[in-house]
Amino acid sequence: MVAEYTNQGNRSRVRPVSLREGKRTLNQGMVDTMIDVVLVDGHRLVLQGLRCLLVRAAGEIRVVAAFDRGEDALIYCRERRPDVVITELSIPGVGGLGVIRRLRVLNEGIRVIVLTAFCDDPYPIQAFRAGASAFLDKGCESGEVVRAVRSVHAGRRYVTPEIAGRLVQGRADGKGGDNPFLALSRREFQVVERMVEGHSLRQIARRLHVAPNTVATYRSRIYDKLGVSNEMQLARLAIRHGFLEPEPEVDH
């Protein structure tokens, strides 16, 4: 689903986007001072609700598009260059962390706000390592989202006191308390992301632009740091620490 919003009420439409189109300009060459925001979440109801919240709460914020897949959002951002992207971490495709990393490569001027239900370690730390400018719990007040948009657009980071406390505690503990995933480096974390998604070593190597032997080396280091010896144990550990959702049971 790709929705590019127009000014015609609540209707949305999909249309081809030119690579030459960027930030809108006003008449007589004046620069548009609105904050263009793109939403990314796997649930359409969340996208609709978040758009309504932002449009009603802040006159200078304009939601220009919403996507339920990371790849579609990246294509749009490469072509249109919005000011702010608000993304969930758990989304189909490349995932929220993948979106953050790729946006940093595409355009460092695009600020990313993580709005997620996954707020336990290691997610906040990994999100900021990937390049996020703000991290919010989906249970936060609506005003927090608006304040975060304004703050990151002004070039500042935005973290709620609760999340800030977790970040400080994680650094103080070194390994983030009893969560072993915080001991991983950024590259090791990227490998783990793809391993728990079921990707093979060759697939991971192609995605990360490294040799398969290099991925195998990372895997060995990951197993040592996490105290596991195979992918099944890795998956169980990931589920235990909220890094991976268990498969839903199917009634027969």
Protein backbone atom coordinates (compact mmCIF):
# COMPACT_ATOMS: atom_id res chain seq x y z
CA MET A 1 0.00 0.00 0.00
CA VAL A 2 1.31 3.41 -1.02
CA ALA A 3 -0.67 6.51 -0.16
CA GLU A 4 0.43 9.94 -1.29
CA TYR A 5 -1.83 12.49 0.31
CA THR A 6 -3.30 15.44 -1.52
CA ASN A 7 -5.02 18.51 -0.09
CA GLN A 8 -8.43 17.14 -1.02
CA GLY A 9 -9.87 16.31 2.36
CA ASN A 10 -8.95 12.86 3.66
CA ARG A 11 -8.66 11.27 0.25
CA SER A 12 -5.37 9.81 -0.93
CA ARG A 13 -4.17 8.66 -4.30
CA VAL A 14 -1.20 6.97 -5.91
CA ARG A 15 0.61 8.69 -8.73
CA PRO A 16 4.02 8.49 -10.44
CA VAL A 17 6.63 10.62 -8.73
CA SER A 18 9.35 12.44 -10.66
CA LEU A 19 12.96 12.22 -9.52
CA ARG A 20 13.19 15.96 -10.06
CA GLU A 21 10.45 16.70 -7.57
CA GLY A 22 11.68 17.65 -4.16
CA LYS A 23 10.58 20.07 -1.48
CA ARG A 24 7.60 22.07 -2.70
CA THR A 25 8.02 25.77 -3.43
CA LEU A 26 5.50 28.54 -3.08
CA ASN A 27 4.72 31.32 -5.51
CA GLN A 28 7.41 33.88 -6.27
CA GLY A 29 10.17 31.45 -5.32
CA MET A 30 9.40 31.36 -1.58
CA VAL A 31 10.49 28.13 0.16
CA ASP A 32 7.75 26.01 1.72
CA THR A 33 8.21 26.08 5.51
CA MET A 34 5.86 23.17 6.23
CA ILE A 35 7.39 20.04 7.77
CA ASP A 36 6.80 17.16 5.34
CA VAL A 37 6.36 13.86 7.18
CA VAL A 38 6.25 10.28 5.85
CA LEU A 39 4.68 7.49 7.94
CA VAL A 40 5.79 3.84 7.87
CA ASP A 41 3.89 1.14 9.76
CA GLY A 42 2.64 -2.33 8.94
CA HIS A 43 -0.88 -1.55 10.15
CA ARG A 44 -3.13 0.72 8.08
CA LEU A 45 -5.24 1.69 11.08
CA VAL A 46 -2.13 3.01 12.81
CA LEU A 47 -1.17 4.98 9.70
CA GLN A 48 -4.60 6.56 9.45
CA GLY A 49 -4.75 7.40 13.14
CA LEU A 50 -1.27 8.87 13.21
CA ARG A 51 -1.96 11.01 10.17
CA CYS A 52 -5.14 12.41 11.73
CA LEU A 53 -3.29 13.09 14.97
CA LEU A 54 -0.51 15.06 13.28
CA VAL A 55 -2.76 17.00 10.92
CA ARG A 56 -5.09 18.10 13.70
CA ALA A 57 -2.46 18.82 16.32
CA ALA A 58 0.03 20.91 14.37
CA GLY A 59 -0.67 23.27 11.51
CA GLU A 60 2.92 23.31 10.28
CA ILE A 61 3.13 19.51 9.93
CA ARG A 62 2.05 17.97 6.63
CA VAL A 63 1.78 14.20 6.22
CA VAL A 64 2.70 13.66 2.58
CA ALA A 65 2.68 9.85 2.32
CA ALA A 66 2.19 6.61 4.25
CA PHE A 67 3.58 3.15 3.58
CA ASP A 68 3.23 -0.32 5.06
CA ARG A 69 6.53 -1.60 3.59
CA GLY A 70 10.01 -0.25 4.16
CA GLU A 71 11.12 -0.62 0.54
CA ASP A 72 8.26 1.53 -0.75
CA ALA A 73 9.04 4.25 1.78
CA LEU A 74 12.71 4.26 0.73
CA ILE A 75 11.82 4.67 -2.95
CA TYR A 76 9.56 7.61 -2.11
CA CYS A 77 12.13 9.25 0.16
CA ARG A 78 14.84 8.96 -2.47
CA GLU A 79 12.62 10.74 -4.97
CA ARG A 80 10.82 13.31 -2.82
CA ARG A 81 13.14 13.97 0.14
CA PRO A 82 10.70 14.59 3.03
CA ASP A 83 11.85 16.30 6.21
CA VAL A 84 10.90 13.60 8.71
CA VAL A 85 10.10 9.89 8.59
CA ILE A 86 8.18 8.23 11.44
CA THR A 87 8.64 4.46 11.37
CA GLU A 88 7.76 1.38 13.38
CA LEU A 89 10.60 -1.10 13.86
CA SER A 90 8.52 -4.17 13.05
CA ILE A 91 7.45 -3.64 9.44
CA PRO A 92 7.41 -5.92 6.38
CA GLY A 93 10.45 -5.95 4.14
CA VAL A 94 13.75 -4.43 5.22
CA GLY A 95 12.46 -3.63 8.71
CA GLY A 96 12.60 -0.38 10.64
CA LEU A 97 16.32 -0.53 11.41
CA GLY A 98 17.03 -1.20 7.74
CA VAL A 99 14.95 1.83 6.79
CA ILE A 100 16.90 4.02 9.21
CA ARG A 101 20.29 2.88 7.90
CA ARG A 102 19.34 3.30 4.25
CA LEU A 103 17.85 6.74 4.83
CA ARG A 104 21.10 7.87 6.40
CA VAL A 105 22.89 6.78 3.22
CA LEU A 106 20.28 8.31 0.90
CA ASN A 107 20.06 11.68 2.61
CA GLU A 108 21.44 12.59 6.03
CA GLY A 109 19.04 15.54 6.11
CA ILE A 110 16.02 13.26 6.55
CA ARG A 111 15.32 12.87 10.27
CA VAL A 112 13.91 9.57 11.52
CA ILE A 113 11.59 9.10 14.49
CA VAL A 114 11.02 5.57 15.76
CA LEU A 115 7.49 5.09 17.08
CA THR A 116 7.25 1.51 18.21
CA ALA A 117 5.81 -1.01 20.62
CA PHE A 118 9.28 -2.61 20.91
CA CYS A 119 10.91 -0.42 23.55
CA ASP A 120 12.88 -2.97 25.55
CA ASP A 121 16.60 -3.49 25.04
CA PRO A 122 18.30 -3.64 22.63
CA TYR A 123 15.98 -1.63 20.38
CA PRO A 124 16.51 1.98 21.59
CA ILE A 125 20.29 1.72 21.50
CA GLN A 126 20.33 -0.02 18.13
CA ALA A 127 17.92 2.53 16.66
CA PHE A 128 20.16 5.43 17.63
CA ARG A 129 23.23 3.56 16.42
CA ALA A 130 21.48 3.12 13.07
CA GLY A 131 20.86 6.87 12.83
CA ALA A 132 17.47 7.62 14.41
CA SER A 133 16.91 11.11 15.83
CA ALA A 134 14.09 10.18 18.21
CA PHE A 135 12.65 7.10 19.88
CA LEU A 136 9.07 6.95 21.18
CA ASP A 137 6.90 4.31 22.78
CA LYS A 138 3.56 3.83 21.01
CA GLY A 139 1.96 4.25 24.41
CA CYS A 140 3.14 7.87 24.64
CA GLU A 141 0.86 10.90 24.64
CA SER A 142 -0.04 12.40 21.26
CA GLY A 143 1.76 15.61 22.16
CA GLU A 144 5.03 13.68 22.42
CA VAL A 145 4.86 12.78 18.74
CA VAL A 146 4.29 16.40 17.72
CA ARG A 147 7.12 17.62 19.96
CA ALA A 148 9.42 14.97 18.54
CA VAL A 149 8.67 16.05 14.95
CA ARG A 150 9.41 19.69 15.76
CA SER A 151 12.54 18.81 17.70
CA VAL A 152 14.19 16.57 15.09
CA HIS A 153 13.25 18.99 12.30
CA ALA A 154 15.18 21.64 14.22
CA GLY A 155 18.20 19.33 14.30
CA ARG A 156 17.85 18.06 17.88
CA ARG A 157 17.39 14.57 19.24
CA TYR A 158 14.22 13.72 21.14
CA VAL A 159 14.00 11.01 23.79
CA THR A 160 11.36 10.59 26.49
CA PRO A 161 12.69 10.39 30.08
CA GLU A 162 11.77 6.70 30.29
CA ILE A 163 13.70 5.78 27.15
CA ALA A 164 16.59 8.02 28.18
CA GLY A 165 16.81 6.14 31.46
CA ARG A 166 17.03 2.83 29.61
CA LEU A 167 19.77 4.17 27.35
CA VAL A 168 21.81 5.41 30.32
CA GLN A 169 21.32 2.12 32.18
CA GLY A 170 22.33 0.15 29.09
CA ARG A 171 25.57 2.11 28.78
CA ALA A 172 26.29 1.81 32.50
CA ASP A 173 25.81 -1.95 32.43
CA GLY A 174 28.06 -2.34 29.40
CA LYS A 175 26.00 -5.24 28.12
CA GLY A 176 22.63 -3.77 29.00
CA GLY A 177 21.87 -5.84 32.09
CA ASP A 178 20.91 -9.41 31.23
CA ASN A 179 20.25 -8.73 27.53
CA PRO A 180 23.14 -10.32 25.58
CA PHE A 181 22.17 -8.68 22.29
CA LEU A 182 23.55 -5.34 23.52
CA ALA A 183 27.03 -6.87 23.46
CA LEU A 184 26.89 -7.10 19.66
CA SER A 185 28.56 -4.60 17.35
CA ARG A 186 26.54 -2.75 14.73
CA ARG A 187 27.60 -5.17 11.98
CA GLU A 188 26.95 -8.22 14.15
CA PHE A 189 23.50 -6.87 14.90
CA GLN A 190 22.84 -6.50 11.16
CA VAL A 191 23.81 -10.13 10.64
CA VAL A 192 21.59 -11.29 13.50
CA GLU A 193 18.65 -9.34 12.06
CA ARG A 194 18.89 -11.30 8.83
CA MET A 195 19.68 -14.63 10.45
CA VAL A 196 16.51 -14.58 12.55
CA GLU A 197 14.58 -13.67 9.40
CA GLY A 198 15.76 -16.97 7.89
CA HIS A 199 18.29 -15.62 5.36
CA SER A 200 21.17 -17.85 4.30
CA LEU A 201 24.82 -16.83 4.64
CA ARG A 202 25.01 -16.10 0.92
CA GLN A 203 21.87 -13.96 1.04
CA ILE A 204 23.22 -12.01 4.01
CA ALA A 205 26.56 -11.57 2.25
CA ARG A 206 24.87 -10.13 -0.83
CA ARG A 207 22.74 -7.78 1.28
CA LEU A 208 25.70 -6.51 3.31
CA HIS A 209 28.09 -6.49 0.32
CA VAL A 210 30.65 -8.78 1.97
CA ALA A 211 32.01 -12.26 1.27
CA PRO A 212 30.13 -15.32 2.63
CA ASN A 213 33.23 -16.26 4.63
CA THR A 214 33.05 -12.88 6.34
CA VAL A 215 29.44 -13.52 7.34
CA ALA A 216 30.45 -16.94 8.65
CA THR A 217 33.07 -15.23 10.83
CA TYR A 218 30.46 -12.80 12.16
CA ARG A 219 28.17 -15.73 12.90
CA SER A 220 30.87 -17.44 14.97
CA ARG A 221 31.45 -14.25 16.95
CA ILE A 222 27.71 -13.83 17.48
CA TYR A 223 27.33 -17.39 18.74
CA ASP A 224 30.22 -16.88 21.17
CA LYS A 225 28.85 -13.60 22.51
CA LEU A 226 25.31 -14.91 22.88
CA GLY A 227 26.28 -18.32 24.21
CA VAL A 228 24.46 -20.31 21.52
CA SER A 229 25.66 -22.93 19.06
CA ASN A 230 23.04 -23.01 16.29
CA GLU A 231 20.25 -21.02 14.65
CA MET A 232 17.52 -22.75 16.65
CA GLN A 233 19.09 -21.63 19.93
CA LEU A 234 19.59 -18.15 18.47
CA ALA A 235 15.90 -17.95 17.56
CA ARG A 236 14.84 -19.03 21.05
CA LEU A 237 17.11 -16.44 22.63
CA ALA A 238 15.78 -13.76 20.27
CA ILE A 239 12.19 -14.60 21.24
CA ARG A 240 13.06 -14.58 24.96
CA HIS A 241 14.47 -11.05 24.73
CA GLY A 242 11.76 -9.68 22.45
CA PHE A 243 14.06 -9.46 19.46
CA LEU A 244 11.89 -11.88 17.46
CA GLU A 245 8.17 -12.55 17.66
CA PRO A 246 7.16 -16.21 18.05
CA GLU A 247 5.17 -17.79 15.26
CA PRO A 248 1.43 -17.66 16.05
CA GLU A 249 -0.23 -20.96 16.78
CA VAL A 250 -2.57 -22.15 14.03
CA ASP A 251 -5.79 -23.90 14.99
CA HIS A 252 -6.51 -27.03 12.98
